[in-house]
C-alpha atoms as a PDB file:
ATOM      1  CA  MET A   1      -4.243   2.435 -12.897  1.00  0.00           C
ATOM      2  CA  LYS A   2      -0.610   2.087 -11.831  1.00  0.00           C
ATOM      3  CA  LEU A   3       0.879  -1.266 -10.833  1.00  0.00           C
ATOM      4  CA  ILE A   4       2.802  -1.299  -7.567  1.00  0.00           C
ATOM      5  CA  VAL A   5       5.203  -4.044  -6.463  1.00  0.00           C
ATOM      6  CA  SER A   6       6.647  -4.488  -2.985  1.00  0.00           C
ATOM      7  CA  VAL A   7      10.258  -5.223  -2.091  1.00  0.00           C
ATOM      8  CA  MET A   8      10.664  -6.973   1.250  1.00  0.00           C
ATOM      9  CA  PRO A   9      14.354  -7.577   2.016  1.00  0.00           C
ATOM     10  CA  LYS A  10      15.068  -9.187   5.378  1.00  0.00           C
ATOM     11  CA  SER A  11      18.671  -7.971   5.584  1.00  0.00           C
ATOM     12  CA  LEU A  12      21.141  -5.499   4.114  1.00  0.00           C
ATOM     13  CA  GLU A  13      22.579  -8.298   1.976  1.00  0.00           C
ATOM     14  CA  GLU A  14      19.152  -9.052   0.500  1.00  0.00           C
ATOM     15  CA  ALA A  15      18.584  -5.363  -0.206  1.00  0.00           C
ATOM     16  CA  GLN A  16      21.954  -5.060  -1.962  1.00  0.00           C
ATOM     17  CA  ALA A  17      21.205  -8.191  -3.997  1.00  0.00           C
ATOM     18  CA  LEU A  18      17.888  -6.897  -5.390  1.00  0.00           C
ATOM     19  CA  ASP A  19      17.859  -7.062  -9.185  1.00  0.00           C
ATOM     20  CA  VAL A  20      16.365  -3.737 -10.231  1.00  0.00           C
ATOM     21  CA  ALA A  21      15.809  -4.938 -13.791  1.00  0.00           C
ATOM     22  CA  ARG A  22      13.152  -7.367 -12.581  1.00  0.00           C
ATOM     23  CA  TYR A  23      11.073  -4.408 -11.373  1.00  0.00           C
ATOM     24  CA  GLN A  24      11.273  -2.310 -14.530  1.00  0.00           C
ATOM     25  CA  ASP A  25       7.649  -3.004 -15.516  1.00  0.00           C
ATOM     26  CA  ALA A  26       6.285  -1.843 -12.153  1.00  0.00           C
ATOM     27  CA  ASP A  27       5.017   1.733 -12.078  1.00  0.00           C
ATOM     28  CA  ILE A  28       5.700   2.202  -8.359  1.00  0.00           C
ATOM     29  CA  ILE A  29       7.948   0.404  -5.860  1.00  0.00           C
ATOM     30  CA  GLU A  30       6.848  -0.108  -2.257  1.00  0.00           C
ATOM     31  CA  TRP A  31       9.567  -0.725   0.301  1.00  0.00           C
ATOM     32  CA  ARG A  32       8.078  -2.860   3.065  1.00  0.00           C
ATOM     33  CA  ALA A  33      10.579  -2.034   5.790  1.00  0.00           C
ATOM     34  CA  ASP A  34       8.699  -4.103   8.378  1.00  0.00           C
ATOM     35  CA  PHE A  35      10.545  -7.281   7.309  1.00  0.00           C
ATOM     36  CA  LEU A  36      13.645  -5.839   8.991  1.00  0.00           C
ATOM     37  CA  ALA A  37      14.486  -5.456  12.668  1.00  0.00           C
ATOM     38  CA  LYS A  38      13.629  -1.903  13.700  1.00  0.00           C
ATOM     39  CA  ASP A  39      17.285  -1.125  14.458  1.00  0.00           C
ATOM     40  CA  THR A  40      18.441  -2.066  10.941  1.00  0.00           C
ATOM     41  CA  ILE A  41      15.901  -0.108   8.860  1.00  0.00           C
ATOM     42  CA  LEU A  42      18.083   2.998   8.664  1.00  0.00           C
ATOM     43  CA  GLN A  43      21.121   0.864   7.786  1.00  0.00           C
ATOM     44  CA  VAL A  44      19.260  -0.696   4.856  1.00  0.00           C
ATOM     45  CA  ALA A  45      17.561   2.502   3.632  1.00  0.00           C
ATOM     46  CA  PRO A  46      20.542   3.829   1.584  1.00  0.00           C
ATOM     47  CA  ALA A  47      20.678   0.587  -0.435  1.00  0.00           C
ATOM     48  CA  ILE A  48      16.954   0.720  -1.228  1.00  0.00           C
ATOM     49  CA  PHE A  49      16.883   4.364  -2.250  1.00  0.00           C
ATOM     50  CA  GLU A  50      20.065   3.978  -4.302  1.00  0.00           C
ATOM     51  CA  LYS A  51      18.738   0.869  -6.077  1.00  0.00           C
ATOM     52  CA  PHE A  52      15.480   2.545  -7.016  1.00  0.00           C
ATOM     53  CA  ALA A  53      16.723   6.084  -7.617  1.00  0.00           C
ATOM     54  CA  GLY A  54      14.494   7.853 -10.094  1.00  0.00           C
ATOM     55  CA  ARG A  55      11.574   5.520  -9.438  1.00  0.00           C
ATOM     56  CA  GLU A  56       8.370   6.398  -7.582  1.00  0.00           C
ATOM     57  CA  LEU A  57       8.745   4.823  -4.146  1.00  0.00           C
ATOM     58  CA  VAL A  58       6.412   4.223  -1.211  1.00  0.00           C
ATOM     59  CA  PHE A  59       7.865   3.785   2.279  1.00  0.00           C
ATOM     60  CA  THR A  60       5.743   1.394   4.327  1.00  0.00           C
ATOM     61  CA  LEU A  61       6.138   0.088   7.883  1.00  0.00           C
ATOM     62  CA  ARG A  62       3.310  -2.430   8.012  1.00  0.00           C
ATOM     63  CA  THR A  63       2.714  -3.424  11.613  1.00  0.00           C
ATOM     64  CA  ARG A  64       1.626  -6.865  12.751  1.00  0.00           C
ATOM     65  CA  PHE A  65      -1.797  -5.591  13.802  1.00  0.00           C
ATOM     66  CA  GLU A  66      -2.485  -4.607  10.187  1.00  0.00           C
ATOM     67  CA  GLY A  67      -0.951  -7.677   8.573  1.00  0.00           C
ATOM     68  CA  GLY A  68       2.736  -6.773   8.685  1.00  0.00           C
ATOM     69  CA  GLU A  69       5.850  -8.126  10.364  1.00  0.00           C
ATOM     70  CA  ILE A  70       6.780  -5.604  13.055  1.00  0.00           C
ATOM     71  CA  ASP A  71       5.496  -4.358  16.411  1.00  0.00           C
ATOM     72  CA  LEU A  72       6.177  -0.720  17.236  1.00  0.00           C
ATOM     73  CA  SER A  73       5.094   1.751  19.872  1.00  0.00           C
ATOM     74  CA  PRO A  74       3.547   4.980  18.537  1.00  0.00           C
ATOM     75  CA  GLU A  75       6.791   6.778  19.346  1.00  0.00           C
ATOM     76  CA  GLU A  76       8.940   4.223  17.490  1.00  0.00           C
ATOM     77  CA  TYR A  77       6.590   4.164  14.511  1.00  0.00           C
ATOM     78  CA  VAL A  78       6.650   7.929  14.023  1.00  0.00           C
ATOM     79  CA  GLN A  79      10.372   8.230  14.735  1.00  0.00           C
ATOM     80  CA  ILE A  80      11.359   5.694  12.054  1.00  0.00           C
ATOM     81  CA  ILE A  81       9.016   7.252   9.493  1.00  0.00           C
ATOM     82  CA  LYS A  82      10.379  10.735  10.240  1.00  0.00           C
ATOM     83  CA  GLU A  83      14.012   9.682  10.030  1.00  0.00           C
ATOM     84  CA  VAL A  84      13.627   7.804   6.735  1.00  0.00           C
ATOM     85  CA  THR A  85      11.468  10.536   5.207  1.00  0.00           C
ATOM     86  CA  GLN A  86      13.726  13.398   6.188  1.00  0.00           C
ATOM     87  CA  LEU A  87      16.854  11.629   4.947  1.00  0.00           C
ATOM     88  CA  TYR A  88      15.555  10.108   1.704  1.00  0.00           C
ATOM     89  CA  GLN A  89      12.261  11.823   0.832  1.00  0.00           C
ATOM     90  CA  PRO A  90      10.225   8.899  -0.534  1.00  0.00           C
ATOM     91  CA  ASP A  91       7.442   9.862  -2.926  1.00  0.00           C
ATOM     92  CA  TYR A  92       4.792   8.459  -0.571  1.00  0.00           C
ATOM     93  CA  VAL A  93       4.670   7.524   3.101  1.00  0.00           C
ATOM     94  CA  ASP A  94       2.140   4.958   4.299  1.00  0.00           C
ATOM     95  CA  PHE A  95       0.581   5.782   7.680  1.00  0.00           C
ATOM     96  CA  GLU A  96      -1.688   3.347   9.531  1.00  0.00           C
ATOM     97  CA  TYR A  97      -4.117   5.972  10.715  1.00  0.00           C
ATOM     98  CA  PHE A  98      -6.448   3.899  12.890  1.00  0.00           C
ATOM     99  CA  SER A  99      -3.569   2.093  14.606  1.00  0.00           C
ATOM    100  CA  TYR A 100      -1.637   5.304  15.342  1.00  0.00           C
ATOM    101  CA  LYS A 101      -4.317   7.959  15.437  1.00  0.00           C
ATOM    102  CA  GLU A 102      -2.887   9.514  18.610  1.00  0.00           C
ATOM    103  CA  VAL A 103       0.345  10.524  16.851  1.00  0.00           C
ATOM    104  CA  PHE A 104      -1.140  11.511  13.495  1.00  0.00           C
ATOM    105  CA  GLU A 105      -0.642  15.228  14.162  1.00  0.00           C
ATOM    106  CA  GLU A 106       3.112  14.647  13.993  1.00  0.00           C
ATOM    107  CA  MET A 107       2.684  13.649  10.343  1.00  0.00           C
ATOM    108  CA  LEU A 108       0.891  16.784   9.178  1.00  0.00           C
ATOM    109  CA  ASP A 109       4.045  18.223   7.578  1.00  0.00           C
ATOM    110  CA  PHE A 110       4.322  15.280   5.182  1.00  0.00           C
ATOM    111  CA  PRO A 111       2.596  16.187   1.878  1.00  0.00           C
ATOM    112  CA  ASN A 112       2.357  12.746   0.277  1.00  0.00           C
ATOM    113  CA  LEU A 113       0.727  10.642   2.959  1.00  0.00           C
ATOM    114  CA  ILE A 114      -1.113   7.433   2.219  1.00  0.00           C
ATOM    115  CA  LEU A 115      -3.606   7.022   5.049  1.00  0.00           C
ATOM    116  CA  SER A 116      -4.295   3.319   5.227  1.00  0.00           C
ATOM    117  CA  TYR A 117      -6.645   0.840   6.862  1.00  0.00           C
ATOM    118  CA  HIS A 118      -6.154  -2.950   6.746  1.00  0.00           C
ATOM    119  CA  ASN A 119      -8.487  -5.631   8.048  1.00  0.00           C
ATOM    120  CA  PHE A 120      -7.266  -9.187   7.538  1.00  0.00           C
ATOM    121  CA  GLN A 121     -10.250 -10.683   9.356  1.00  0.00           C
ATOM    122  CA  GLU A 122     -13.311  -9.423   7.494  1.00  0.00           C
ATOM    123  CA  THR A 123     -15.009  -6.934   5.211  1.00  0.00           C
ATOM    124  CA  PRO A 124     -16.518  -4.482   7.715  1.00  0.00           C
ATOM    125  CA  GLU A 125     -19.909  -2.910   7.202  1.00  0.00           C
ATOM    126  CA  ASN A 126     -18.663   0.615   7.931  1.00  0.00           C
ATOM    127  CA  MET A 127     -16.287   0.923   4.966  1.00  0.00           C
ATOM    128  CA  MET A 128     -17.823   4.191   3.810  1.00  0.00           C
ATOM    129  CA  GLU A 129     -17.314   5.720   7.267  1.00  0.00           C
ATOM    130  CA  ILE A 130     -13.676   4.583   7.254  1.00  0.00           C
ATOM    131  CA  LEU A 131     -13.040   6.021   3.800  1.00  0.00           C
ATOM    132  CA  SER A 132     -14.786   9.273   4.701  1.00  0.00           C
ATOM    133  CA  GLU A 133     -12.814   9.720   7.938  1.00  0.00           C
ATOM    134  CA  LEU A 134      -9.526   9.226   6.100  1.00  0.00           C
ATOM    135  CA  THR A 135     -10.530  11.552   3.257  1.00  0.00           C
ATOM    136  CA  ALA A 136     -11.472  14.329   5.687  1.00  0.00           C
ATOM    137  CA  LEU A 137      -7.769  14.526   6.656  1.00  0.00           C
ATOM    138  CA  ASN A 138      -6.766  15.488   3.081  1.00  0.00           C
ATOM    139  CA  PRO A 139      -4.151  12.802   2.405  1.00  0.00           C
ATOM    140  CA  LYS A 140      -2.527  12.267  -0.969  1.00  0.00           C
ATOM    141  CA  VAL A 141      -3.982   8.735  -1.133  1.00  0.00           C
ATOM    142  CA  VAL A 142      -6.563   6.807   0.895  1.00  0.00           C
ATOM    143  CA  LYS A 143      -6.005   3.049   1.057  1.00  0.00           C
ATOM    144  CA  LEU A 144      -8.429   0.412   2.337  1.00  0.00           C
ATOM    145  CA  ALA A 145      -7.693  -3.330   2.172  1.00  0.00           C
ATOM    146  CA  VAL A 146     -10.154  -5.822   3.661  1.00  0.00           C
ATOM    147  CA  MET A 147     -10.491  -9.604   3.666  1.00  0.00           C
ATOM    148  CA  ALA A 148     -13.168 -11.248   1.536  1.00  0.00           C
ATOM    149  CA  HIS A 149     -14.806 -14.507   2.620  1.00  0.00           C
ATOM    150  CA  THR A 150     -17.806 -14.461   0.288  1.00  0.00           C
ATOM    151  CA  GLU A 151     -18.775 -13.138  -3.131  1.00  0.00           C
ATOM    152  CA  GLN A 152     -20.959 -10.572  -1.354  1.00  0.00           C
ATOM    153  CA  ASP A 153     -17.917  -9.219   0.499  1.00  0.00           C
ATOM    154  CA  VAL A 154     -16.269  -8.482  -2.829  1.00  0.00           C
ATOM    155  CA  LEU A 155     -19.398  -6.906  -4.293  1.00  0.00           C
ATOM    156  CA  ASP A 156     -19.792  -4.768  -1.163  1.00  0.00           C
ATOM    157  CA  LEU A 157     -16.224  -3.492  -1.486  1.00  0.00           C
ATOM    158  CA  MET A 158     -16.766  -2.648  -5.144  1.00  0.00           C
ATOM    159  CA  ASN A 159     -20.113  -0.960  -4.532  1.00  0.00           C
ATOM    160  CA  TYR A 160     -18.774   1.111  -1.635  1.00  0.00           C
ATOM    161  CA  THR A 161     -15.814   2.099  -3.786  1.00  0.00           C
ATOM    162  CA  ARG A 162     -18.027   3.319  -6.623  1.00  0.00           C
ATOM    163  CA  GLY A 163     -20.156   5.286  -4.175  1.00  0.00           C
ATOM    164  CA  PHE A 164     -17.084   6.778  -2.553  1.00  0.00           C
ATOM    165  CA  LYS A 165     -15.651   7.840  -5.912  1.00  0.00           C
ATOM    166  CA  THR A 166     -18.914   9.575  -6.808  1.00  0.00           C
ATOM    167  CA  LEU A 167     -18.891  11.541  -3.551  1.00  0.00           C
ATOM    168  CA  ASN A 168     -15.139  12.285  -3.586  1.00  0.00           C
ATOM    169  CA  PRO A 169     -14.101  12.673  -7.235  1.00  0.00           C
ATOM    170  CA  GLU A 170     -10.858  14.511  -6.409  1.00  0.00           C
ATOM    171  CA  GLN A 171      -9.511  12.046  -3.841  1.00  0.00           C
ATOM    172  CA  GLU A 172      -6.963   9.477  -5.008  1.00  0.00           C
ATOM    173  CA  PHE A 173      -7.674   6.114  -3.412  1.00  0.00           C
ATOM    174  CA  VAL A 174      -6.848   2.414  -3.465  1.00  0.00           C
ATOM    175  CA  THR A 175      -9.375  -0.203  -2.362  1.00  0.00           C
ATOM    176  CA  ILE A 176      -8.599  -3.925  -2.244  1.00  0.00           C
ATOM    177  CA  SER A 177     -10.613  -7.018  -1.475  1.00  0.00           C
ATOM    178  CA  MET A 178      -7.989  -9.474  -0.222  1.00  0.00           C
ATOM    179  CA  GLY A 179      -7.846 -13.238  -0.559  1.00  0.00           C
ATOM    180  CA  LYS A 180      -8.541 -15.566  -3.476  1.00  0.00           C
ATOM    181  CA  MET A 181     -12.167 -14.455  -3.580  1.00  0.00           C
ATOM    182  CA  GLY A 182     -11.121 -10.835  -3.910  1.00  0.00           C
ATOM    183  CA  LYS A 183      -8.771 -11.195  -6.887  1.00  0.00           C
ATOM    184  CA  VAL A 184     -11.400  -9.693  -9.161  1.00  0.00           C
ATOM    185  CA  SER A 185     -11.129  -6.404  -7.237  1.00  0.00           C
ATOM    186  CA  ARG A 186      -7.450  -6.201  -8.181  1.00  0.00           C
ATOM    187  CA  ILE A 187      -8.265  -6.834 -11.841  1.00  0.00           C
ATOM    188  CA  ALA A 188     -11.148  -4.351 -11.836  1.00  0.00           C
ATOM    189  CA  ALA A 189      -9.300  -1.668  -9.842  1.00  0.00           C
ATOM    190  CA  ASP A 190      -9.350   0.736 -12.788  1.00  0.00           C
ATOM    191  CA  MET A 191     -13.075   0.337 -13.299  1.00  0.00           C
ATOM    192  CA  MET A 192     -13.698   1.075  -9.622  1.00  0.00           C
ATOM    193  CA  GLY A 193     -11.478   4.146  -9.743  1.00  0.00           C
ATOM    194  CA  SER A 194      -8.533   2.808  -7.732  1.00  0.00           C
ATOM    195  CA  ALA A 195      -5.335   4.665  -8.552  1.00  0.00           C
ATOM    196  CA  TRP A 196      -3.157   1.595  -7.972  1.00  0.00           C
ATOM    197  CA  SER A 197      -3.288  -2.178  -7.936  1.00  0.00           C
ATOM    198  CA  PHE A 198      -0.678  -4.242  -6.090  1.00  0.00           C
ATOM    199  CA  ALA A 199       1.086  -7.065  -7.934  1.00  0.00           C
ATOM    200  CA  SER A 200       3.795  -9.535  -6.947  1.00  0.00           C
ATOM    201  CA  LEU A 201       7.063 -10.863  -8.344  1.00  0.00           C
ATOM    202  CA  ASP A 202       8.120 -13.747  -6.103  1.00  0.00           C
ATOM    203  CA  GLU A 203       6.522 -13.359  -2.700  1.00  0.00           C
ATOM    204  CA  ALA A 204       3.104 -11.742  -2.383  1.00  0.00           C
ATOM    205  CA  SER A 205       2.871  -8.966   0.198  1.00  0.00           C
ATOM    206  CA  ALA A 206      -0.861  -9.642   0.769  1.00  0.00           C
ATOM    207  CA  PRO A 207      -3.309 -12.505   0.092  1.00  0.00           C
ATOM    208  CA  GLY A 208      -4.717 -12.726  -3.425  1.00  0.00           C
ATOM    209  CA  GLN A 209      -2.063 -10.729  -5.251  1.00  0.00           C
ATOM    210  CA  ILE A 210      -1.616 -11.526  -8.936  1.00  0.00           C
ATOM    211  CA  SER A 211       1.792 -11.645 -10.603  1.00  0.00           C
ATOM    212  CA  LEU A 212       3.098  -8.486 -12.232  1.00  0.00           C
ATOM    213  CA  ALA A 213       3.369 -10.213 -15.618  1.00  0.00           C
ATOM    214  CA  ASN A 214      -0.275 -11.319 -15.491  1.00  0.00           C
ATOM    215  CA  MET A 215      -1.466  -7.922 -14.269  1.00  0.00           C
ATOM    216  CA  ILE A 216       0.293  -6.253 -17.203  1.00  0.00           C
ATOM    217  CA  LYS A 217      -1.456  -8.667 -19.597  1.00  0.00           C
ATOM    218  CA  ILE A 218      -4.799  -8.000 -17.923  1.00  0.00           C
ATOM    219  CA  ARG A 219      -4.277  -4.241 -18.118  1.00  0.00           C
ATOM    220  CA  GLU A 220      -3.439  -4.518 -21.822  1.00  0.00           C
ATOM    221  CA  ILE A 221      -6.560  -6.587 -22.474  1.00  0.00           C
ATOM    222  CA  LEU A 222      -8.776  -4.137 -20.591  1.00  0.00           C
ATOM    223  CA  ASP A 223      -7.200  -1.187 -22.420  1.00  0.00           C
ATOM    224  CA  GLU A 224      -7.877  -2.656 -25.863  1.00  0.00           C
ATOM    225  CA  ALA A 225     -10.329  -0.660 -27.950  1.00  0.00           C
END
């Protein structure tokens, strides 16, 4: 299980001021570009990719509908992703498949797609269908993050994840039960088969994230013989 930490600068100055040393224990960096105005993303991109040169990096434009900070038309969404990807070649590109299904075909040339689904309202009953639909498109990674309100929500997420892994042993995936109730899913990500678990430094990028320092301790404890 790799630990991924998000950087969420709100300006070029904030991006230039990022202290790379603070992120050295993260396995992967996610740039959440949605905290910027759409017209400034390409201005900030050089600073991000220079700061984290040599590190595995995910480019993410999380839209408001899926818990992010930006509203984009399908055309704007694809255009920004294409421009950043062609110029800087991030290791992974997050694509909100169910929000932008109509323009997905334009992304078929990108080899390292993360096809993602986020539900900040509930833990839906059709999680297996969602995971299966995403997997059928042969992405690099499938990501599903849903909100937990009860213990059963968390158990459902974990059970569906185990079932999914059994049926799709070759597919890399990340499943997350969000919120305080769902913290255990982040800790047990490895046991469920999730390739990554998201951790935070200062500001969490989603509800229920655990600090990077604590996640490293937890990983060490779980790895002990």
